[in-house]
N, C-alpha and C. Protein backbone atom coordinates (compact mmCIF):
# COMPACT_ATOMS: atom_id res chain seq x y z
N MET A 1 -1.33 -95.64 -95.63
CA MET A 1 -0.20 -95.31 -94.77
C MET A 1 -0.49 -96.03 -93.54
N GLY A 2 0.32 -95.76 -92.50
CA GLY A 2 0.20 -96.47 -91.21
C GLY A 2 0.91 -97.66 -91.21
N ASN A 3 1.38 -98.15 -92.34
CA ASN A 3 2.23 -99.39 -92.37
C ASN A 3 3.49 -99.07 -91.86
N VAL A 4 4.13 -99.92 -90.97
CA VAL A 4 5.49 -99.86 -90.37
C VAL A 4 6.46 -99.68 -91.48
N HIS A 5 6.40 -100.51 -92.44
CA HIS A 5 7.39 -100.33 -93.67
C HIS A 5 7.35 -98.96 -94.24
N ASP A 6 6.19 -98.31 -94.43
CA ASP A 6 5.99 -97.11 -95.16
C ASP A 6 6.75 -95.94 -94.29
N PHE A 7 6.53 -96.08 -92.87
CA PHE A 7 7.07 -95.24 -91.98
C PHE A 7 8.61 -95.19 -92.04
N GLU A 8 9.08 -96.46 -92.14
CA GLU A 8 10.60 -96.66 -92.15
C GLU A 8 11.09 -95.92 -93.37
N GLU A 9 10.52 -95.96 -94.47
CA GLU A 9 10.80 -95.29 -95.74
C GLU A 9 10.71 -93.66 -95.46
N ILE A 10 9.71 -93.31 -94.91
CA ILE A 10 9.64 -91.76 -94.55
C ILE A 10 10.61 -91.37 -93.56
N LYS A 11 10.99 -92.21 -92.55
CA LYS A 11 12.11 -91.83 -91.64
C LYS A 11 13.47 -91.77 -92.36
N LYS A 12 13.71 -92.70 -93.42
CA LYS A 12 14.92 -92.76 -94.11
C LYS A 12 14.99 -91.33 -94.92
N ARG A 13 13.94 -91.12 -95.73
CA ARG A 13 13.90 -89.86 -96.45
C ARG A 13 14.10 -88.71 -95.52
N PHE A 14 13.48 -88.70 -94.41
CA PHE A 14 13.53 -87.57 -93.42
C PHE A 14 14.94 -87.37 -92.85
N LYS A 15 15.55 -88.47 -92.61
CA LYS A 15 16.94 -88.42 -92.11
C LYS A 15 17.88 -87.87 -93.11
N GLU A 16 17.68 -88.15 -94.38
CA GLU A 16 18.62 -87.82 -95.54
C GLU A 16 18.29 -86.41 -95.96
N ALA A 17 17.25 -85.84 -95.63
CA ALA A 17 16.77 -84.58 -96.24
C ALA A 17 17.46 -83.43 -95.55
N ASP A 18 17.56 -82.24 -96.32
CA ASP A 18 18.10 -81.07 -95.71
C ASP A 18 16.90 -80.41 -94.87
N VAL A 19 17.08 -79.27 -94.22
CA VAL A 19 16.03 -78.71 -93.34
C VAL A 19 14.86 -78.48 -94.04
N ASP A 20 14.90 -77.89 -95.27
CA ASP A 20 13.71 -77.55 -95.90
C ASP A 20 12.99 -78.86 -96.38
N GLY A 21 13.68 -79.94 -96.74
CA GLY A 21 13.13 -81.22 -97.01
C GLY A 21 12.41 -81.77 -95.96
N LYS A 22 13.10 -81.72 -94.78
CA LYS A 22 12.57 -82.25 -93.52
C LYS A 22 11.24 -81.53 -93.19
N ILE A 23 11.18 -80.22 -93.28
CA ILE A 23 10.01 -79.40 -93.06
C ILE A 23 8.86 -79.89 -94.09
N GLU A 24 9.15 -80.02 -95.29
CA GLU A 24 8.21 -80.45 -96.24
C GLU A 24 7.64 -81.80 -96.00
N ILE A 25 8.42 -82.88 -95.62
CA ILE A 25 7.98 -84.20 -95.22
C ILE A 25 7.07 -84.00 -94.07
N TYR A 26 7.55 -83.40 -92.91
CA TYR A 26 6.78 -83.23 -91.69
C TYR A 26 5.44 -82.62 -91.90
N THR A 27 5.40 -81.73 -92.81
CA THR A 27 4.23 -80.92 -92.89
C THR A 27 3.15 -81.41 -93.94
N THR A 28 3.56 -82.40 -94.82
CA THR A 28 2.80 -83.04 -95.82
C THR A 28 2.39 -84.39 -95.73
N VAL A 29 3.17 -85.15 -94.89
CA VAL A 29 2.81 -86.62 -94.68
C VAL A 29 1.63 -86.62 -93.88
N ASP A 30 0.63 -87.50 -94.29
CA ASP A 30 -0.60 -87.72 -93.52
C ASP A 30 -0.58 -89.11 -92.92
N ASN A 31 -1.48 -89.25 -91.98
CA ASN A 31 -1.89 -90.46 -91.36
C ASN A 31 -0.73 -91.08 -90.53
N LEU A 32 0.16 -90.35 -89.89
CA LEU A 32 1.10 -90.79 -89.00
C LEU A 32 0.47 -90.83 -87.66
N THR A 33 0.97 -91.67 -86.81
CA THR A 33 0.42 -91.50 -85.28
C THR A 33 1.16 -90.44 -84.64
N VAL A 34 0.86 -90.13 -83.43
CA VAL A 34 1.57 -89.13 -82.65
C VAL A 34 2.84 -89.42 -82.35
N ASP A 35 2.98 -90.73 -81.99
CA ASP A 35 4.28 -91.26 -81.73
C ASP A 35 5.32 -91.16 -82.98
N GLN A 36 4.84 -91.54 -84.15
CA GLN A 36 5.58 -91.39 -85.39
C GLN A 36 5.95 -89.93 -85.69
N TYR A 37 4.95 -88.91 -85.41
CA TYR A 37 5.33 -87.46 -85.59
C TYR A 37 6.44 -87.13 -84.59
N LYS A 38 6.36 -87.60 -83.28
CA LYS A 38 7.35 -87.26 -82.33
C LYS A 38 8.85 -87.89 -82.69
N GLU A 39 8.82 -89.10 -83.27
CA GLU A 39 9.99 -89.62 -83.62
C GLU A 39 10.72 -88.94 -84.68
N LEU A 40 10.00 -88.31 -85.78
CA LEU A 40 10.63 -87.50 -86.75
C LEU A 40 10.99 -86.17 -86.04
N LEU A 41 10.23 -85.63 -85.05
CA LEU A 41 10.65 -84.40 -84.57
C LEU A 41 11.87 -84.54 -83.72
N ARG A 42 12.14 -85.73 -83.23
CA ARG A 42 13.40 -85.97 -82.45
C ARG A 42 14.63 -85.91 -83.41
N MET A 43 14.31 -86.12 -84.60
CA MET A 43 15.45 -86.15 -85.66
C MET A 43 15.53 -84.78 -86.24
N PHE A 44 14.74 -83.73 -85.86
CA PHE A 44 14.79 -82.47 -86.44
C PHE A 44 15.82 -81.55 -85.79
N PRO A 45 16.68 -81.00 -86.46
CA PRO A 45 17.61 -79.97 -85.84
C PRO A 45 16.94 -78.91 -84.96
N ILE A 46 17.18 -78.89 -83.74
CA ILE A 46 16.60 -78.00 -82.74
C ILE A 46 16.70 -76.50 -83.19
N LYS A 47 17.83 -76.13 -83.72
CA LYS A 47 18.15 -74.69 -84.00
C LYS A 47 17.16 -74.24 -85.13
N TYR A 48 16.47 -75.17 -85.84
CA TYR A 48 15.51 -74.79 -86.94
C TYR A 48 13.97 -74.99 -86.55
N LEU A 49 13.86 -75.17 -85.36
CA LEU A 49 12.54 -75.44 -84.85
C LEU A 49 11.54 -74.31 -85.00
N GLU A 50 11.95 -73.09 -84.99
CA GLU A 50 11.06 -71.86 -85.20
C GLU A 50 10.74 -71.99 -86.69
N LYS A 51 11.70 -72.33 -87.55
CA LYS A 51 11.25 -72.47 -89.05
C LYS A 51 10.19 -73.44 -89.23
N LEU A 52 10.33 -74.51 -88.63
CA LEU A 52 9.16 -75.61 -88.78
C LEU A 52 7.84 -75.20 -88.22
N GLU A 53 7.94 -74.34 -87.00
CA GLU A 53 6.73 -73.89 -86.37
C GLU A 53 6.08 -72.91 -87.35
N ARG A 54 6.81 -72.07 -88.01
CA ARG A 54 6.28 -71.09 -88.92
C ARG A 54 5.56 -71.72 -90.10
N ALA A 55 6.19 -73.02 -90.57
CA ALA A 55 5.78 -73.64 -91.69
C ALA A 55 4.40 -74.36 -91.45
N MET A 56 4.28 -74.67 -90.19
CA MET A 56 3.08 -75.38 -89.67
C MET A 56 1.77 -74.32 -89.41
N ALA A 57 2.18 -73.14 -89.24
CA ALA A 57 1.17 -72.14 -88.83
C ALA A 57 0.26 -71.81 -90.00
């Protein structure tokens, strides 16, 4: 991982996923940079942020 092409695929899957899918991707994908995690987080619906936080706990 770490490859820009791989991250673009992850972003595409993340964008197309429902909330539960987004949470699964965010919590299971390894080896992303802090900036890449932030980029995914910007695409996450704010009203479900607590659900994401619970999944990460």
